[in-house]
Structures are given as C-alpha cells and as structure tokens.
N, C-alpha and C. Protein backbone atom coordinates (compact mmCIF):
# COMPACT_ATOMS: atom_id res chain seq x y z
N MET A 1 -90.14 -88.22 -299.58
CA MET A 1 -91.34 -89.40 -300.08
C MET A 1 -92.10 -90.22 -298.63
N SER A 2 -93.08 -89.50 -299.44
CA SER A 2 -94.62 -90.08 -298.75
C SER A 2 -94.92 -91.84 -298.18
N VAL A 3 -95.40 -91.65 -297.37
CA VAL A 3 -96.33 -92.85 -296.45
C VAL A 3 -97.71 -93.57 -296.66
N ASP A 4 -98.05 -94.67 -297.35
CA ASP A 4 -99.91 -94.11 -297.47
C ASP A 4 -99.90 -95.73 -296.78
N THR A 5 -101.25 -95.80 -296.01
CA THR A 5 -101.13 -96.83 -295.03
C THR A 5 -102.69 -98.25 -295.41
N TYR A 6 -103.01 -97.22 -295.94
CA TYR A 6 -104.88 -96.88 -296.59
C TYR A 6 -104.14 -96.87 -298.05
N LEU A 7 -105.02 -98.46 -298.69
CA LEU A 7 -104.78 -99.26 -300.13
C LEU A 7 -106.53 -99.51 -300.52
N LYS A 8 -107.90 -99.85 -299.90
CA LYS A 8 -109.18 -99.86 -299.56
C LYS A 8 -109.35 -99.32 -301.58
N GLY A 9 -109.03 -99.64 -302.46
CA GLY A 9 -110.56 -99.22 -303.64
C GLY A 9 -108.35 -98.29 -304.70
N LYS A 10 -107.15 -98.62 -304.02
CA LYS A 10 -106.72 -97.63 -304.75
C LYS A 10 -105.40 -99.65 -305.79
N ASP A 11 -105.05 -99.67 -307.68
CA ASP A 11 -104.94 -99.80 -308.14
C ASP A 11 -103.71 -100.01 -308.01
N THR A 12 -102.85 -100.89 -307.38
CA THR A 12 -101.38 -101.43 -306.70
C THR A 12 -100.53 -102.64 -307.73
N SER A 13 -101.42 -102.73 -308.88
CA SER A 13 -100.66 -103.61 -309.48
C SER A 13 -99.60 -103.56 -310.35
N GLU A 14 -99.29 -102.23 -310.76
CA GLU A 14 -98.54 -101.74 -311.05
C GLU A 14 -96.76 -101.39 -310.26
N TYR A 15 -97.13 -101.30 -308.92
CA TYR A 15 -96.00 -101.20 -308.01
C TYR A 15 -94.88 -102.00 -307.78
N LEU A 16 -94.33 -101.58 -307.52
CA LEU A 16 -93.10 -102.91 -307.25
C LEU A 16 -93.62 -103.28 -305.94
N ARG A 17 -93.62 -104.80 -305.45
CA ARG A 17 -93.53 -105.78 -303.72
C ARG A 17 -91.65 -105.87 -303.75
N VAL A 18 -91.41 -104.78 -301.86
CA VAL A 18 -90.96 -106.36 -301.93
C VAL A 18 -91.35 -106.11 -300.24
N GLU A 19 -90.27 -107.91 -300.02
CA GLU A 19 -91.35 -108.12 -298.75
C GLU A 19 -89.76 -108.26 -298.23
N HIS A 20 -90.17 -108.69 -297.16
CA HIS A 20 -89.61 -108.61 -295.10
C HIS A 20 -90.23 -109.77 -294.56
N ASP A 21 -89.75 -110.37 -293.96
CA ASP A 21 -90.18 -111.34 -293.87
C ASP A 21 -92.16 -111.50 -293.96
N ASP A 22 -92.13 -110.73 -292.55
CA ASP A 22 -94.51 -110.32 -293.14
C ASP A 22 -94.97 -108.80 -293.60
N VAL A 23 -93.64 -108.38 -294.21
CA VAL A 23 -94.31 -106.87 -293.16
C VAL A 23 -93.51 -107.11 -295.23
N GLU A 24 -94.54 -106.09 -295.76
CA GLU A 24 -94.78 -106.10 -297.81
C GLU A 24 -94.69 -104.40 -297.77
N VAL A 25 -93.78 -104.03 -298.89
CA VAL A 25 -94.16 -102.41 -299.24
C VAL A 25 -94.58 -103.21 -300.51
N LEU A 26 -94.23 -101.54 -301.00
CA LEU A 26 -95.41 -101.02 -302.52
C LEU A 26 -93.96 -99.62 -302.91
N VAL A 27 -93.00 -99.83 -303.96
CA VAL A 27 -93.25 -98.78 -303.98
C VAL A 27 -93.59 -98.20 -305.66
N SER A 28 -93.75 -96.88 -306.17
CA SER A 28 -95.29 -96.60 -306.86
C SER A 28 -93.54 -96.77 -308.40
N PRO A 29 -95.18 -96.95 -308.61
CA PRO A 29 -94.12 -97.65 -310.15
C PRO A 29 -92.56 -95.73 -310.61
N VAL A 30 -93.58 -94.89 -310.35
CA VAL A 30 -91.75 -93.70 -310.77
C VAL A 30 -90.79 -93.78 -309.81
N MET A 31 -90.97 -94.49 -308.91
CA MET A 31 -89.81 -94.73 -307.71
C MET A 31 -88.73 -95.78 -308.29
N ALA A 32 -90.32 -96.90 -309.01
CA ALA A 32 -88.74 -97.94 -308.66
C ALA A 32 -87.87 -97.63 -310.14
N ARG A 33 -88.55 -96.26 -311.67
CA ARG A 33 -88.33 -96.33 -312.27
C ARG A 33 -86.92 -95.83 -312.63
N TRP A 34 -87.09 -95.21 -310.89
CA TRP A 34 -85.77 -94.21 -310.79
C TRP A 34 -84.49 -94.97 -310.84
N SER A 35 -85.45 -95.67 -309.26
CA SER A 35 -84.49 -96.27 -308.32
C SER A 35 -82.78 -96.74 -308.90
N GLU A 36 -82.68 -97.71 -308.87
CA GLU A 36 -80.96 -99.04 -308.52
C GLU A 36 -81.17 -99.66 -307.46
N GLN A 37 -81.39 -99.49 -306.61
CA GLN A 37 -81.98 -100.30 -305.83
C GLN A 37 -82.87 -100.25 -304.73
N VAL A 38 -84.10 -100.68 -303.41
CA VAL A 38 -84.66 -101.03 -302.85
C VAL A 38 -84.51 -101.28 -301.97
N SER A 39 -84.29 -101.10 -300.49
CA SER A 39 -83.84 -102.12 -299.08
C SER A 39 -84.55 -101.89 -298.23
N LEU A 40 -84.63 -102.99 -297.51
CA LEU A 40 -86.02 -103.04 -296.65
C LEU A 40 -85.53 -103.25 -295.75
N GLY A 41 -85.42 -103.01 -294.45
CA GLY A 41 -84.63 -103.70 -293.25
C GLY A 41 -85.21 -103.29 -292.10
N THR A 42 -85.22 -103.65 -290.19
CA THR A 42 -86.05 -103.70 -290.10
C THR A 42 -85.10 -102.70 -287.93
N LYS A 43 -84.82 -101.97 -287.96
CA LYS A 43 -83.88 -102.34 -287.14
C LYS A 43 -84.79 -101.80 -285.20
N GLY A 44 -84.52 -103.05 -284.51
CA GLY A 44 -85.12 -103.04 -283.24
C GLY A 44 -84.36 -102.58 -281.80
N THR A 45 -84.98 -101.47 -281.32
CA THR A 45 -85.05 -101.38 -279.49
C THR A 45 -85.27 -101.74 -279.22
N LEU A 46 -84.80 -101.58 -277.56
CA LEU A 46 -85.76 -102.48 -275.89
C LEU A 46 -87.71 -102.03 -276.33
N PHE A 47 -87.37 -100.61 -277.27
CA PHE A 47 -89.04 -99.98 -276.55
C PHE A 47 -89.77 -100.97 -278.11
N GLY A 48 -89.16 -101.49 -278.70
CA GLY A 48 -90.56 -101.25 -280.80
C GLY A 48 -89.28 -101.02 -281.62
N ARG A 49 -89.73 -101.87 -282.74
CA ARG A 49 -88.98 -101.51 -283.82
C ARG A 49 -89.23 -100.27 -284.81
N ARG A 50 -88.54 -100.43 -285.90
CA ARG A 50 -88.67 -99.84 -286.48
C ARG A 50 -88.53 -100.03 -288.19
N LEU A 51 -88.99 -100.00 -288.88
CA LEU A 51 -89.09 -99.73 -290.56
C LEU A 51 -88.47 -98.99 -290.91
N ASP A 52 -86.87 -99.60 -291.98
CA ASP A 52 -86.10 -98.72 -292.18
C ASP A 52 -86.44 -98.92 -294.50
N VAL A 53 -87.08 -97.78 -295.37
CA VAL A 53 -86.76 -98.59 -296.74
C VAL A 53 -85.71 -97.59 -297.10
N GLU A 54 -84.94 -98.01 -297.74
CA GLU A 54 -83.56 -97.09 -298.65
C GLU A 54 -84.27 -97.38 -299.87
N VAL A 55 -83.97 -96.52 -301.04
CA VAL A 55 -83.98 -96.59 -302.49
C VAL A 55 -82.72 -95.93 -302.75
N GLU A 56 -81.68 -96.36 -303.13
CA GLU A 56 -80.78 -95.25 -303.96
C GLU A 56 -81.06 -95.31 -305.99
N HIS A 57 -80.48 -94.57 -306.23
CA HIS A 57 -80.68 -93.81 -307.61
C HIS A 57 -80.34 -93.18 -307.92
N GLU A 58 -78.82 -92.99 -309.36
CA GLU A 58 -77.50 -92.23 -309.65
C GLU A 58 -78.80 -90.78 -310.31
N HIS A 59 -77.76 -90.19 -309.83
CA HIS A 59 -78.46 -89.02 -310.15
C HIS A 59 -77.88 -88.65 -311.68
N GLY A 60 -78.87 -87.55 -311.79
CA GLY A 60 -78.94 -87.40 -314.07
C GLY A 60 -80.31 -86.83 -314.43
N PRO A 61 -80.53 -85.85 -315.72
CA PRO A 61 -81.44 -84.85 -316.21
C PRO A 61 -82.54 -85.23 -315.45
N ALA A 62 -83.29 -86.39 -315.89
CA ALA A 62 -84.50 -86.71 -315.47
C ALA A 62 -84.79 -86.57 -313.89
N CYS A 63 -84.08 -86.69 -313.00
CA CYS A 63 -83.33 -86.11 -311.53
C CYS A 63 -84.31 -84.74 -310.98
N ARG A 64 -85.17 -84.73 -310.34
CA ARG A 64 -85.73 -82.91 -310.15
C ARG A 64 -85.42 -82.60 -308.65
N HIS A 65 -84.11 -83.22 -307.76
CA HIS A 65 -83.75 -83.16 -306.41
C HIS A 65 -82.55 -82.52 -306.47
C-alpha cells in the first residue's frame, strides 16, 4: 500500500472517503472496488499516536497477490 499526503491539483472525486474524528483517509477507486471493508483506527502510546488503515478483501481470480 502507498500513502500520498500531497493532494494539490489531484482529482479525488472518485475516492472513497473514510473518516475518524478529525482524520479523513481517501481510498483509491481500485482498492475500494476490490475491498469488502475498510477500517480506520488510531493507536496511542505515551509518545504519540499512529494511524492504522486495514483493508479486507476476498481472494479471487482478479486478485494479483
């Protein structure tokens, strides 16, 4: 999975938007099409917080991994 935080000039109208509190994650149309569920969460420690995005899908003929 790749992460892109620079969205200036990009068309994100087709992206699935997943929100958690004040954080919004955009999921690409290809990933959203093959996904059954997208979960967004945070894990906190004494030294900071981490964002976790989990995508679940069924393996099938179109799956390439």
